[in-house]
N, C-alpha and C. Protein backbone atom coordinates (compact mmCIF):
# COMPACT_ATOMS: atom_id res chain seq x y z
N UNK A 1 30.70 25.58 -5.04
CA UNK A 1 31.09 24.19 -5.26
C UNK A 1 30.48 23.69 -6.55
N UNK A 2 31.26 23.02 -7.37
CA UNK A 2 30.76 22.52 -8.65
C UNK A 2 30.45 21.04 -8.53
N UNK A 3 29.26 20.66 -9.05
CA UNK A 3 28.84 19.27 -8.98
C UNK A 3 29.17 18.57 -10.29
N UNK A 4 29.78 17.40 -10.18
CA UNK A 4 30.18 16.65 -11.37
C UNK A 4 29.03 15.86 -11.97
N UNK A 5 28.07 15.49 -11.15
CA UNK A 5 26.93 14.71 -11.64
C UNK A 5 25.75 14.92 -10.72
N UNK A 6 24.60 14.41 -11.15
CA UNK A 6 23.40 14.52 -10.32
C UNK A 6 23.58 13.75 -9.01
N UNK A 7 24.48 12.77 -8.98
CA UNK A 7 24.68 12.01 -7.76
C UNK A 7 25.44 12.79 -6.70
N UNK A 8 26.11 13.86 -7.08
CA UNK A 8 26.69 14.74 -6.06
C UNK A 8 25.60 15.53 -5.36
N UNK A 9 24.43 15.59 -5.97
CA UNK A 9 23.30 16.28 -5.38
C UNK A 9 22.42 15.30 -4.61
N UNK A 10 22.04 14.19 -5.27
CA UNK A 10 21.15 13.23 -4.64
C UNK A 10 21.89 12.45 -3.56
N UNK A 11 23.04 11.87 -3.94
CA UNK A 11 23.78 11.06 -2.99
C UNK A 11 23.13 9.71 -2.79
N UNK A 12 23.89 8.74 -2.31
CA UNK A 12 23.36 7.39 -2.15
C UNK A 12 22.28 7.29 -1.09
N UNK A 13 22.23 8.25 -0.14
CA UNK A 13 21.19 8.24 0.87
C UNK A 13 20.35 9.51 0.76
N UNK A 14 20.26 10.04 -0.42
CA UNK A 14 19.40 11.18 -0.72
C UNK A 14 19.78 12.43 0.07
N UNK A 15 21.08 12.73 0.14
CA UNK A 15 21.49 13.96 0.81
C UNK A 15 22.12 14.89 -0.21
N UNK A 16 22.06 16.18 0.05
CA UNK A 16 22.62 17.14 -0.88
C UNK A 16 22.02 18.50 -0.62
N UNK A 17 22.31 19.45 -1.46
CA UNK A 17 21.80 20.80 -1.23
C UNK A 17 20.28 20.90 -1.35
N UNK A 18 19.63 19.95 -2.03
CA UNK A 18 18.19 20.04 -2.19
C UNK A 18 17.60 18.68 -2.51
N UNK A 19 17.44 17.85 -1.50
CA UNK A 19 16.87 16.53 -1.71
C UNK A 19 15.44 16.62 -2.23
N UNK A 20 14.75 17.70 -1.91
CA UNK A 20 13.37 17.85 -2.38
C UNK A 20 13.31 18.02 -3.89
N UNK A 21 14.39 18.59 -4.47
CA UNK A 21 14.40 18.83 -5.91
C UNK A 21 14.97 17.66 -6.70
N UNK A 22 15.60 16.72 -6.02
CA UNK A 22 16.27 15.62 -6.72
C UNK A 22 15.70 14.28 -6.30
N UNK A 23 15.96 13.85 -5.07
CA UNK A 23 15.45 12.57 -4.62
C UNK A 23 13.92 12.53 -4.67
N UNK A 24 13.29 13.61 -4.23
CA UNK A 24 11.83 13.67 -4.27
C UNK A 24 11.30 13.59 -5.69
N UNK A 25 11.98 14.29 -6.60
CA UNK A 25 11.57 14.26 -8.01
C UNK A 25 11.69 12.86 -8.59
N UNK A 26 12.78 12.16 -8.25
CA UNK A 26 12.97 10.80 -8.73
C UNK A 26 11.86 9.89 -8.22
N UNK A 27 11.47 10.07 -6.97
CA UNK A 27 10.38 9.27 -6.40
C UNK A 27 9.07 9.52 -7.13
N UNK A 28 8.78 10.78 -7.42
CA UNK A 28 7.54 11.10 -8.13
C UNK A 28 7.53 10.45 -9.50
N UNK A 29 8.66 10.56 -10.22
CA UNK A 29 8.74 9.94 -11.53
C UNK A 29 8.55 8.44 -11.47
N UNK A 30 9.13 7.80 -10.46
CA UNK A 30 9.03 6.35 -10.35
C UNK A 30 7.62 5.90 -9.97
N UNK A 31 6.95 6.66 -9.10
CA UNK A 31 5.56 6.33 -8.76
C UNK A 31 4.69 6.41 -10.01
N UNK A 32 4.90 7.45 -10.82
CA UNK A 32 4.14 7.59 -12.06
C UNK A 32 4.37 6.38 -12.97
N UNK A 33 5.63 5.96 -13.08
CA UNK A 33 5.97 4.80 -13.92
C UNK A 33 5.30 3.54 -13.40
N UNK A 34 5.34 3.32 -12.09
CA UNK A 34 4.74 2.11 -11.52
C UNK A 34 3.23 2.09 -11.71
N UNK A 35 2.60 3.23 -11.56
CA UNK A 35 1.15 3.28 -11.73
C UNK A 35 0.76 3.12 -13.20
N UNK A 36 1.62 3.58 -14.10
CA UNK A 36 1.36 3.42 -15.53
C UNK A 36 1.58 1.98 -15.96
N UNK A 37 2.49 1.30 -15.27
CA UNK A 37 2.70 -0.12 -15.51
C UNK A 37 3.65 -0.47 -16.63
N UNK A 38 4.23 0.52 -17.28
CA UNK A 38 5.17 0.28 -18.38
C UNK A 38 5.85 1.59 -18.73
N UNK A 39 6.83 1.50 -19.61
CA UNK A 39 7.51 2.72 -20.05
C UNK A 39 6.61 3.49 -21.02
N UNK A 40 6.34 4.76 -20.76
CA UNK A 40 5.52 5.55 -21.69
C UNK A 40 6.30 5.92 -22.93
N UNK A 41 5.59 6.20 -24.00
CA UNK A 41 6.25 6.66 -25.22
C UNK A 41 6.48 8.16 -25.18
N UNK A 42 5.52 8.89 -24.63
CA UNK A 42 5.67 10.34 -24.50
C UNK A 42 5.30 10.78 -23.09
N UNK A 43 6.02 11.79 -22.61
CA UNK A 43 5.74 12.35 -21.29
C UNK A 43 5.81 13.86 -21.38
N UNK A 44 4.76 14.51 -20.91
CA UNK A 44 4.78 15.97 -20.78
C UNK A 44 4.87 16.30 -19.30
N UNK A 45 5.89 17.05 -18.93
CA UNK A 45 6.14 17.38 -17.53
C UNK A 45 5.97 18.88 -17.33
N UNK A 46 5.01 19.25 -16.52
CA UNK A 46 4.76 20.66 -16.22
C UNK A 46 5.27 20.97 -14.82
N UNK A 47 6.18 21.92 -14.73
CA UNK A 47 6.83 22.26 -13.47
C UNK A 47 6.28 23.58 -12.93
N UNK A 48 6.08 23.62 -11.61
CA UNK A 48 5.50 24.79 -10.97
C UNK A 48 6.41 25.30 -9.85
N UNK A 49 6.28 26.59 -9.56
CA UNK A 49 6.97 27.18 -8.42
C UNK A 49 8.47 27.04 -8.49
N UNK A 50 9.06 26.58 -7.39
CA UNK A 50 10.51 26.42 -7.30
C UNK A 50 11.03 25.40 -8.30
N UNK A 51 10.25 24.36 -8.55
CA UNK A 51 10.64 23.37 -9.55
C UNK A 51 10.88 24.03 -10.91
N UNK A 52 9.97 24.92 -11.29
CA UNK A 52 10.07 25.57 -12.60
C UNK A 52 11.30 26.48 -12.69
N UNK A 53 11.67 27.07 -11.56
CA UNK A 53 12.76 28.04 -11.57
C UNK A 53 14.14 27.40 -11.50
N UNK A 54 14.24 26.26 -10.85
CA UNK A 54 15.58 25.72 -10.56
C UNK A 54 15.79 24.28 -11.02
N UNK A 55 14.86 23.75 -11.83
CA UNK A 55 14.92 22.30 -12.10
C UNK A 55 16.19 21.87 -12.83
N UNK A 56 16.75 22.71 -13.68
CA UNK A 56 17.97 22.32 -14.40
C UNK A 56 19.18 22.32 -13.48
N UNK A 57 19.32 23.34 -12.67
CA UNK A 57 20.48 23.44 -11.79
C UNK A 57 20.49 22.40 -10.69
N UNK A 58 19.32 21.98 -10.23
CA UNK A 58 19.23 21.02 -9.14
C UNK A 58 19.07 19.58 -9.62
N UNK A 59 19.08 19.37 -10.93
CA UNK A 59 18.96 18.00 -11.43
C UNK A 59 17.56 17.43 -11.36
N UNK A 60 16.55 18.28 -11.20
CA UNK A 60 15.18 17.79 -11.13
C UNK A 60 14.76 17.11 -12.42
N UNK A 61 15.18 17.67 -13.55
CA UNK A 61 14.80 17.09 -14.84
C UNK A 61 15.39 15.69 -15.00
N UNK A 62 16.67 15.54 -14.66
CA UNK A 62 17.33 14.23 -14.76
C UNK A 62 16.69 13.23 -13.80
N UNK A 63 16.38 13.69 -12.58
CA UNK A 63 15.79 12.82 -11.57
C UNK A 63 14.40 12.34 -11.99
N UNK A 64 13.58 13.24 -12.53
CA UNK A 64 12.25 12.85 -12.97
C UNK A 64 12.32 11.81 -14.08
N UNK A 65 13.21 12.03 -15.04
CA UNK A 65 13.36 11.07 -16.14
C UNK A 65 13.88 9.74 -15.61
N UNK A 66 14.82 9.79 -14.67
CA UNK A 66 15.30 8.55 -14.07
C UNK A 66 14.19 7.77 -13.41
N UNK A 67 13.32 8.46 -12.68
CA UNK A 67 12.19 7.80 -12.06
C UNK A 67 11.25 7.18 -13.09
N UNK A 68 11.03 7.89 -14.18
CA UNK A 68 10.17 7.38 -15.25
C UNK A 68 10.76 6.14 -15.91
N UNK A 69 12.08 6.00 -15.81
CA UNK A 69 12.75 4.80 -16.32
C UNK A 69 12.75 3.68 -15.28
N UNK A 70 12.09 3.93 -14.15
CA UNK A 70 11.96 2.97 -13.05
C UNK A 70 13.25 2.82 -12.27
N UNK A 71 14.09 3.87 -12.22
CA UNK A 71 15.30 3.85 -11.43
C UNK A 71 15.00 4.37 -10.03
N UNK A 72 15.54 3.71 -9.02
CA UNK A 72 15.40 4.20 -7.65
C UNK A 72 16.35 5.38 -7.44
N UNK A 73 16.21 6.08 -6.33
CA UNK A 73 16.99 7.31 -6.11
C UNK A 73 18.49 7.06 -6.03
N UNK A 74 18.90 5.84 -5.68
CA UNK A 74 20.33 5.54 -5.55
C UNK A 74 20.90 4.85 -6.79
N UNK A 75 20.08 4.69 -7.84
CA UNK A 75 20.52 3.99 -9.04
C UNK A 75 21.50 4.88 -9.83
N UNK A 76 22.70 4.39 -10.07
CA UNK A 76 23.72 5.18 -10.74
C UNK A 76 23.37 5.51 -12.19
N UNK A 77 22.41 4.80 -12.76
CA UNK A 77 22.01 5.07 -14.14
C UNK A 77 21.28 6.40 -14.29
N UNK A 78 20.84 6.97 -13.18
CA UNK A 78 20.14 8.27 -13.24
C UNK A 78 21.03 9.31 -13.92
N UNK A 79 22.32 9.20 -13.74
CA UNK A 79 23.25 10.15 -14.36
C UNK A 79 23.04 10.20 -15.87
N UNK A 80 22.73 9.06 -16.46
CA UNK A 80 22.56 8.96 -17.91
C UNK A 80 21.09 8.91 -18.32
N UNK A 81 20.20 9.35 -17.46
CA UNK A 81 18.76 9.19 -17.69
C UNK A 81 18.28 9.82 -18.98
N UNK A 82 18.77 11.01 -19.30
CA UNK A 82 18.32 11.69 -20.52
C UNK A 82 18.69 10.87 -21.75
N UNK A 83 19.93 10.42 -21.79
CA UNK A 83 20.38 9.62 -22.94
C UNK A 83 19.65 8.28 -23.01
N UNK A 84 19.46 7.64 -21.86
CA UNK A 84 18.80 6.34 -21.84
C UNK A 84 17.34 6.45 -22.26
N UNK A 85 16.70 7.54 -21.88
CA UNK A 85 15.30 7.74 -22.30
C UNK A 85 15.22 7.89 -23.81
N UNK A 86 16.15 8.62 -24.37
CA UNK A 86 16.19 8.79 -25.82
C UNK A 86 16.42 7.45 -26.52
N UNK A 87 17.30 6.64 -25.97
CA UNK A 87 17.60 5.34 -26.57
C UNK A 87 16.41 4.39 -26.53
N UNK A 88 15.59 4.51 -25.49
CA UNK A 88 14.42 3.64 -25.39
C UNK A 88 13.23 4.18 -26.18
N UNK A 89 13.39 5.37 -26.76
CA UNK A 89 12.30 5.96 -27.55
C UNK A 89 11.31 6.76 -26.74
N UNK A 90 11.66 7.09 -25.50
CA UNK A 90 10.78 7.90 -24.67
C UNK A 90 11.02 9.38 -24.95
N UNK A 91 9.99 10.08 -25.39
CA UNK A 91 10.09 11.52 -25.68
C UNK A 91 9.56 12.30 -24.48
N UNK A 92 10.39 13.17 -23.92
CA UNK A 92 10.02 13.92 -22.72
C UNK A 92 10.07 15.42 -23.01
N UNK A 93 9.00 16.11 -22.67
CA UNK A 93 8.93 17.57 -22.85
C UNK A 93 8.73 18.24 -21.49
N UNK A 94 9.55 19.26 -21.20
CA UNK A 94 9.41 20.02 -19.96
C UNK A 94 8.78 21.37 -20.25
N UNK A 95 7.80 21.76 -19.45
CA UNK A 95 7.11 23.04 -19.59
C UNK A 95 7.14 23.77 -18.25
N UNK A 96 7.65 24.98 -18.25
CA UNK A 96 7.71 25.80 -17.04
C UNK A 96 6.41 26.60 -16.93
N UNK A 97 5.68 26.38 -15.85
CA UNK A 97 4.39 27.04 -15.65
C UNK A 97 4.50 28.20 -14.66
N UNK A 98 3.68 29.24 -14.87
CA UNK A 98 3.64 30.38 -13.96
C UNK A 98 2.52 30.26 -12.93
N UNK A 99 1.63 29.31 -13.12
CA UNK A 99 0.47 29.14 -12.25
C UNK A 99 0.89 28.89 -10.81
N UNK A 100 0.18 29.52 -9.87
CA UNK A 100 0.46 29.34 -8.45
C UNK A 100 -0.12 28.02 -7.97
N UNK A 101 0.65 27.27 -7.18
CA UNK A 101 0.19 26.03 -6.59
C UNK A 101 0.32 26.09 -5.08
N UNK A 102 -0.35 25.15 -4.40
CA UNK A 102 -0.31 25.13 -2.93
C UNK A 102 1.09 24.88 -2.40
N UNK A 103 1.90 24.11 -3.15
CA UNK A 103 3.26 23.82 -2.72
C UNK A 103 4.22 24.21 -3.84
N UNK A 104 5.36 24.82 -3.52
CA UNK A 104 6.28 25.29 -4.56
C UNK A 104 6.94 24.18 -5.36
N UNK A 105 7.08 22.98 -4.78
CA UNK A 105 7.73 21.89 -5.50
C UNK A 105 6.68 20.94 -6.07
N UNK A 106 5.97 21.43 -7.07
CA UNK A 106 4.86 20.68 -7.65
C UNK A 106 5.13 20.37 -9.11
N UNK A 107 4.76 19.16 -9.52
CA UNK A 107 4.95 18.76 -10.91
C UNK A 107 3.76 17.94 -11.37
N UNK A 108 3.34 18.17 -12.61
CA UNK A 108 2.29 17.37 -13.24
C UNK A 108 2.90 16.60 -14.40
N UNK A 109 2.70 15.30 -14.41
CA UNK A 109 3.22 14.46 -15.48
C UNK A 109 2.06 13.83 -16.24
N UNK A 110 2.15 13.90 -17.55
CA UNK A 110 1.16 13.24 -18.41
C UNK A 110 1.88 12.19 -19.23
N UNK A 111 1.60 10.91 -18.93
CA UNK A 111 2.23 9.80 -19.61
C UNK A 111 1.28 9.23 -20.65
N UNK A 112 1.84 8.86 -21.80
CA UNK A 112 0.99 8.32 -22.87
C UNK A 112 1.73 7.24 -23.65
N UNK A 113 0.98 6.20 -24.00
CA UNK A 113 1.48 5.12 -24.85
C UNK A 113 0.29 4.58 -25.63
N UNK A 114 0.21 4.96 -26.89
CA UNK A 114 -0.94 4.59 -27.73
C UNK A 114 -2.23 5.07 -27.08
N UNK A 115 -3.11 4.15 -26.68
CA UNK A 115 -4.40 4.55 -26.11
C UNK A 115 -4.33 4.75 -24.60
N UNK A 116 -3.26 4.33 -23.97
CA UNK A 116 -3.15 4.43 -22.51
C UNK A 116 -2.58 5.78 -22.11
N UNK A 117 -3.22 6.40 -21.11
CA UNK A 117 -2.77 7.70 -20.62
C UNK A 117 -2.86 7.75 -19.11
N UNK A 118 -1.98 8.52 -18.50
CA UNK A 118 -2.00 8.73 -17.06
C UNK A 118 -1.62 10.16 -16.78
N UNK A 119 -2.42 10.82 -15.94
CA UNK A 119 -2.14 12.19 -15.54
C UNK A 119 -1.99 12.20 -14.03
N UNK A 120 -0.86 12.69 -13.54
CA UNK A 120 -0.57 12.60 -12.11
C UNK A 120 0.10 13.89 -11.64
N UNK A 121 -0.27 14.33 -10.45
CA UNK A 121 0.35 15.51 -9.83
C UNK A 121 1.07 15.07 -8.57
N UNK A 122 2.34 15.44 -8.48
CA UNK A 122 3.13 15.09 -7.31
C UNK A 122 3.77 16.31 -6.67
N UNK A 123 3.99 16.22 -5.38
CA UNK A 123 4.62 17.29 -4.61
C UNK A 123 5.80 16.71 -3.84
N UNK A 124 6.94 17.35 -3.92
CA UNK A 124 8.10 16.95 -3.14
C UNK A 124 8.11 17.79 -1.87
N UNK A 125 7.84 17.15 -0.75
CA UNK A 125 7.60 17.91 0.49
C UNK A 125 8.85 18.11 1.32
N UNK A 126 9.99 17.54 0.89
CA UNK A 126 11.24 17.75 1.61
C UNK A 126 11.83 16.44 2.10
N UNK A 127 13.16 16.39 2.14
CA UNK A 127 13.84 15.21 2.65
C UNK A 127 13.63 13.97 1.81
N UNK A 128 13.31 14.15 0.54
CA UNK A 128 13.07 13.01 -0.33
C UNK A 128 11.67 12.45 -0.25
N UNK A 129 10.83 13.02 0.62
CA UNK A 129 9.46 12.53 0.77
C UNK A 129 8.55 13.23 -0.23
N UNK A 130 7.50 12.52 -0.66
CA UNK A 130 6.59 13.06 -1.66
C UNK A 130 5.14 12.83 -1.26
N UNK A 131 4.26 13.49 -1.99
CA UNK A 131 2.83 13.23 -1.88
C UNK A 131 2.23 13.32 -3.28
N UNK A 132 1.47 12.33 -3.65
CA UNK A 132 0.70 12.37 -4.89
C UNK A 132 -0.66 12.94 -4.55
N UNK A 133 -1.01 14.05 -5.18
CA UNK A 133 -2.24 14.77 -4.79
C UNK A 133 -3.37 14.63 -5.81
N UNK A 134 -3.03 14.15 -7.01
CA UNK A 134 -4.07 14.02 -8.03
C UNK A 134 -3.72 12.89 -8.99
N UNK A 135 -4.71 12.11 -9.38
CA UNK A 135 -4.50 11.02 -10.32
C UNK A 135 -5.69 10.96 -11.27
N UNK A 136 -5.43 11.27 -12.54
CA UNK A 136 -6.48 11.27 -13.56
C UNK A 136 -7.71 12.06 -13.14
N UNK A 137 -7.46 13.21 -12.52
CA UNK A 137 -8.56 14.09 -12.14
C UNK A 137 -9.15 13.82 -10.77
N UNK A 138 -8.75 12.73 -10.12
CA UNK A 138 -9.22 12.42 -8.77
C UNK A 138 -8.27 13.03 -7.75
N UNK A 139 -8.81 13.71 -6.75
CA UNK A 139 -7.98 14.24 -5.67
C UNK A 139 -7.67 13.11 -4.69
N UNK A 140 -6.38 12.89 -4.44
CA UNK A 140 -5.97 11.81 -3.55
C UNK A 140 -4.85 12.30 -2.64
N UNK A 141 -4.46 11.45 -1.71
CA UNK A 141 -3.31 11.72 -0.86
C UNK A 141 -2.54 10.41 -0.73
N UNK A 142 -1.44 10.31 -1.46
CA UNK A 142 -0.65 9.08 -1.50
C UNK A 142 0.80 9.43 -1.23
N UNK A 143 1.39 8.80 -0.22
CA UNK A 143 2.75 9.17 0.18
C UNK A 143 3.81 8.57 -0.72
N UNK A 144 3.53 7.44 -1.33
CA UNK A 144 4.53 6.77 -2.15
C UNK A 144 5.60 6.09 -1.33
N UNK A 145 5.47 6.11 0.00
CA UNK A 145 6.46 5.49 0.88
C UNK A 145 6.05 4.11 1.35
N UNK A 146 4.82 3.70 1.03
CA UNK A 146 4.31 2.41 1.49
C UNK A 146 3.69 1.67 0.30
N UNK A 147 3.61 0.33 0.41
CA UNK A 147 2.89 -0.41 -0.63
C UNK A 147 1.46 0.11 -0.73
N UNK A 148 0.92 0.08 -1.92
CA UNK A 148 -0.43 0.62 -2.10
C UNK A 148 -1.16 -0.11 -3.22
N UNK A 149 -2.47 -0.10 -3.10
CA UNK A 149 -3.36 -0.66 -4.11
C UNK A 149 -4.30 0.45 -4.55
N UNK A 150 -4.37 0.71 -5.85
CA UNK A 150 -5.26 1.73 -6.39
C UNK A 150 -6.28 1.05 -7.28
N UNK A 151 -7.55 1.28 -6.99
CA UNK A 151 -8.63 0.59 -7.69
C UNK A 151 -9.61 1.60 -8.27
N UNK A 152 -9.73 1.61 -9.58
CA UNK A 152 -10.77 2.41 -10.25
C UNK A 152 -12.00 1.53 -10.38
N UNK A 153 -13.13 2.02 -9.92
CA UNK A 153 -14.32 1.17 -9.88
C UNK A 153 -15.59 1.98 -10.07
N UNK A 154 -16.65 1.28 -10.36
CA UNK A 154 -17.96 1.91 -10.39
C UNK A 154 -18.39 2.20 -8.96
N UNK A 155 -18.96 3.37 -8.74
CA UNK A 155 -19.38 3.78 -7.40
C UNK A 155 -20.66 3.02 -7.04
N UNK A 156 -20.46 1.80 -6.54
CA UNK A 156 -21.58 0.92 -6.22
C UNK A 156 -21.46 0.39 -4.80
N UNK A 157 -22.60 0.05 -4.23
CA UNK A 157 -22.63 -0.53 -2.88
C UNK A 157 -21.80 -1.82 -2.84
N UNK A 158 -20.95 -1.94 -1.85
CA UNK A 158 -20.18 -3.15 -1.64
C UNK A 158 -18.83 -3.19 -2.32
N UNK A 159 -18.52 -2.21 -3.18
CA UNK A 159 -17.25 -2.24 -3.90
C UNK A 159 -16.06 -2.13 -2.93
N UNK A 160 -16.14 -1.21 -2.00
CA UNK A 160 -15.05 -1.02 -1.04
C UNK A 160 -14.91 -2.26 -0.16
N UNK A 161 -16.03 -2.80 0.30
CA UNK A 161 -16.00 -3.98 1.16
C UNK A 161 -15.39 -5.18 0.43
N UNK A 162 -15.64 -5.29 -0.86
CA UNK A 162 -15.09 -6.40 -1.64
C UNK A 162 -13.57 -6.37 -1.63
N UNK A 163 -13.00 -5.20 -1.91
CA UNK A 163 -11.54 -5.07 -1.93
C UNK A 163 -10.95 -5.28 -0.54
N UNK A 164 -11.60 -4.73 0.47
CA UNK A 164 -11.11 -4.89 1.85
C UNK A 164 -11.11 -6.36 2.25
N UNK A 165 -12.12 -7.10 1.83
CA UNK A 165 -12.19 -8.52 2.19
C UNK A 165 -11.10 -9.33 1.48
N UNK A 166 -10.78 -8.97 0.25
CA UNK A 166 -9.71 -9.66 -0.48
C UNK A 166 -8.37 -9.44 0.22
N UNK A 167 -8.11 -8.22 0.65
CA UNK A 167 -6.88 -7.93 1.38
C UNK A 167 -6.83 -8.70 2.70
N UNK A 168 -7.97 -8.81 3.37
CA UNK A 168 -8.02 -9.54 4.63
C UNK A 168 -7.75 -11.03 4.41
N UNK A 169 -8.27 -11.56 3.33
CA UNK A 169 -8.04 -12.98 3.01
C UNK A 169 -6.55 -13.27 2.81
N UNK A 170 -5.83 -12.28 2.29
CA UNK A 170 -4.39 -12.45 2.06
C UNK A 170 -3.55 -11.92 3.23
N UNK A 171 -4.21 -11.61 4.33
CA UNK A 171 -3.54 -11.13 5.55
C UNK A 171 -2.72 -9.86 5.29
N UNK A 172 -3.30 -8.97 4.52
CA UNK A 172 -2.69 -7.67 4.25
C UNK A 172 -3.45 -6.61 5.04
N UNK A 173 -2.74 -5.90 5.90
CA UNK A 173 -3.38 -4.91 6.77
C UNK A 173 -3.41 -3.54 6.12
N UNK A 174 -4.54 -2.86 6.19
CA UNK A 174 -4.72 -1.52 5.63
C UNK A 174 -4.23 -0.48 6.63
N UNK A 175 -3.28 0.36 6.22
CA UNK A 175 -2.79 1.42 7.10
C UNK A 175 -3.46 2.75 6.84
N UNK A 176 -3.88 2.95 5.60
CA UNK A 176 -4.59 4.19 5.23
C UNK A 176 -5.45 3.91 4.01
N UNK A 177 -6.64 4.49 4.00
CA UNK A 177 -7.54 4.25 2.87
C UNK A 177 -8.42 5.48 2.64
N UNK A 178 -8.63 5.79 1.38
CA UNK A 178 -9.56 6.87 1.03
C UNK A 178 -10.22 6.54 -0.30
N UNK A 179 -11.43 7.06 -0.46
CA UNK A 179 -12.18 6.86 -1.69
C UNK A 179 -12.56 8.22 -2.25
N UNK A 180 -12.27 8.41 -3.53
CA UNK A 180 -12.57 9.68 -4.19
C UNK A 180 -13.50 9.43 -5.37
N UNK A 181 -14.46 10.31 -5.56
CA UNK A 181 -15.35 10.19 -6.71
C UNK A 181 -15.68 11.58 -7.22
N UNK A 182 -15.97 11.66 -8.51
CA UNK A 182 -16.32 12.93 -9.12
C UNK A 182 -17.82 13.18 -9.03
N UNK A 183 -18.60 12.15 -9.34
CA UNK A 183 -20.05 12.23 -9.27
C UNK A 183 -20.61 10.97 -8.64
N UNK A 184 -21.64 11.11 -7.84
CA UNK A 184 -22.27 9.97 -7.17
C UNK A 184 -22.77 8.95 -8.20
N UNK A 185 -22.42 7.68 -7.95
CA UNK A 185 -22.92 6.61 -8.79
C UNK A 185 -22.14 6.36 -10.06
N UNK A 186 -21.05 7.13 -10.27
CA UNK A 186 -20.26 6.93 -11.48
C UNK A 186 -18.90 6.30 -11.14
N UNK A 187 -17.82 6.83 -11.69
CA UNK A 187 -16.52 6.22 -11.46
C UNK A 187 -15.89 6.77 -10.18
N UNK A 188 -15.28 5.88 -9.40
CA UNK A 188 -14.61 6.28 -8.16
C UNK A 188 -13.22 5.65 -8.11
N UNK A 189 -12.41 6.13 -7.17
CA UNK A 189 -11.05 5.63 -7.02
C UNK A 189 -10.76 5.33 -5.56
N UNK A 190 -10.35 4.08 -5.31
CA UNK A 190 -9.88 3.69 -3.99
C UNK A 190 -8.36 3.79 -3.95
N UNK A 191 -7.83 4.41 -2.91
CA UNK A 191 -6.39 4.45 -2.67
C UNK A 191 -6.16 3.81 -1.32
N UNK A 192 -5.47 2.67 -1.33
CA UNK A 192 -5.29 1.89 -0.11
C UNK A 192 -3.79 1.66 0.13
N UNK A 193 -3.27 2.24 1.20
CA UNK A 193 -1.88 1.98 1.59
C UNK A 193 -1.89 0.85 2.62
N UNK A 194 -0.90 -0.03 2.53
CA UNK A 194 -0.88 -1.23 3.35
C UNK A 194 0.44 -1.41 4.09
N UNK A 195 0.41 -2.29 5.10
CA UNK A 195 1.62 -2.60 5.85
C UNK A 195 2.46 -3.67 5.16
N UNK A 196 1.81 -4.50 4.34
CA UNK A 196 2.52 -5.55 3.63
C UNK A 196 2.49 -5.29 2.13
N UNK A 197 3.39 -5.96 1.41
CA UNK A 197 3.40 -5.84 -0.04
C UNK A 197 2.09 -6.39 -0.62
N UNK A 198 1.62 -5.75 -1.67
CA UNK A 198 0.41 -6.20 -2.37
C UNK A 198 0.86 -6.95 -3.62
N UNK A 199 0.50 -8.22 -3.72
CA UNK A 199 0.94 -9.04 -4.84
C UNK A 199 0.08 -8.78 -6.07
N UNK A 200 0.60 -9.18 -7.22
CA UNK A 200 -0.16 -9.05 -8.45
C UNK A 200 -1.38 -9.96 -8.43
N UNK A 201 -1.27 -11.06 -7.68
CA UNK A 201 -2.40 -11.98 -7.56
C UNK A 201 -3.59 -11.29 -6.89
N UNK A 202 -3.29 -10.45 -5.90
CA UNK A 202 -4.36 -9.69 -5.23
C UNK A 202 -5.00 -8.73 -6.21
N UNK A 203 -4.17 -8.05 -6.99
CA UNK A 203 -4.69 -7.10 -7.98
C UNK A 203 -5.57 -7.81 -9.00
N UNK A 204 -5.14 -8.98 -9.45
CA UNK A 204 -5.91 -9.75 -10.43
C UNK A 204 -7.24 -10.19 -9.85
N UNK A 205 -7.23 -10.61 -8.59
CA UNK A 205 -8.45 -11.04 -7.91
C UNK A 205 -9.43 -9.86 -7.81
N UNK A 206 -8.92 -8.69 -7.45
CA UNK A 206 -9.78 -7.50 -7.35
C UNK A 206 -10.41 -7.16 -8.70
N UNK A 207 -9.59 -7.18 -9.74
CA UNK A 207 -10.06 -6.80 -11.07
C UNK A 207 -11.14 -7.74 -11.59
N UNK A 208 -11.12 -8.99 -11.13
CA UNK A 208 -12.10 -9.97 -11.60
C UNK A 208 -13.47 -9.80 -10.95
N UNK A 209 -13.56 -8.98 -9.93
CA UNK A 209 -14.83 -8.81 -9.21
C UNK A 209 -15.72 -7.79 -9.91
N UNK A 210 -17.02 -7.85 -9.66
CA UNK A 210 -17.96 -6.90 -10.29
C UNK A 210 -17.63 -5.45 -9.96
N UNK A 211 -17.86 -4.57 -10.90
CA UNK A 211 -17.73 -3.10 -10.76
C UNK A 211 -16.28 -2.60 -10.73
N UNK A 212 -15.30 -3.50 -10.88
CA UNK A 212 -13.91 -3.08 -10.88
C UNK A 212 -13.46 -2.78 -12.32
N UNK A 213 -12.86 -1.62 -12.54
CA UNK A 213 -12.47 -1.18 -13.87
C UNK A 213 -10.99 -1.26 -14.14
N UNK A 214 -10.19 -0.93 -13.13
CA UNK A 214 -8.73 -0.96 -13.32
C UNK A 214 -8.07 -1.05 -11.95
N UNK A 215 -6.95 -1.77 -11.90
CA UNK A 215 -6.26 -1.95 -10.63
C UNK A 215 -4.76 -1.78 -10.86
N UNK A 216 -4.11 -1.04 -9.98
CA UNK A 216 -2.67 -0.83 -10.08
C UNK A 216 -2.05 -1.06 -8.71
N UNK A 217 -0.84 -1.61 -8.70
CA UNK A 217 -0.11 -1.88 -7.47
C UNK A 217 1.11 -0.98 -7.40
N UNK A 218 1.32 -0.38 -6.25
CA UNK A 218 2.51 0.43 -6.01
C UNK A 218 3.37 -0.31 -5.01
N UNK A 219 4.57 -0.70 -5.41
CA UNK A 219 5.45 -1.50 -4.54
C UNK A 219 6.15 -0.59 -3.53
């Protein structure tokens, strides 16, 4: 069967011969874009395992670029993602890696815009579902299916409690939370998934508190 476009693969409800290679890839790209907070100027995409072997045939490259343009999986503009990225000045490079990973559908994206950089590793686990396993060198577990608040902070007493109290004040319930750090007493990362949407006002309030370095919201 010949496919006329990437939408014959993804479909409006993420169905097709390989939703993990298309819908999942689009989700990973979009999560990276949301966490970066803007359109990057350059993106280096390293593909591993099955992604590296079949990404062109399954539309993984188009889907990833579409996500980076902040398109949802059902957005018809994904078909033109490569051209639209070029028109916006976004330079994207794909690199096929031979390195073995824990999951065959793994991709590492490095986004850059002047001084701002983001390095993220995502896995498409099947059925359009994903997991973000690494962010700027921090090991995390983020599904991308729920609203989330990510807080980079100094590893200090009370930092976690401060953010939790702000969420409680806004009646936002925490469904999952983890804290990752590289070295004791230095920089750490909070990943908080919630039942309700996290507003930008909450993020601004968190960032204004002591020991907070950077805050990002995932819708």
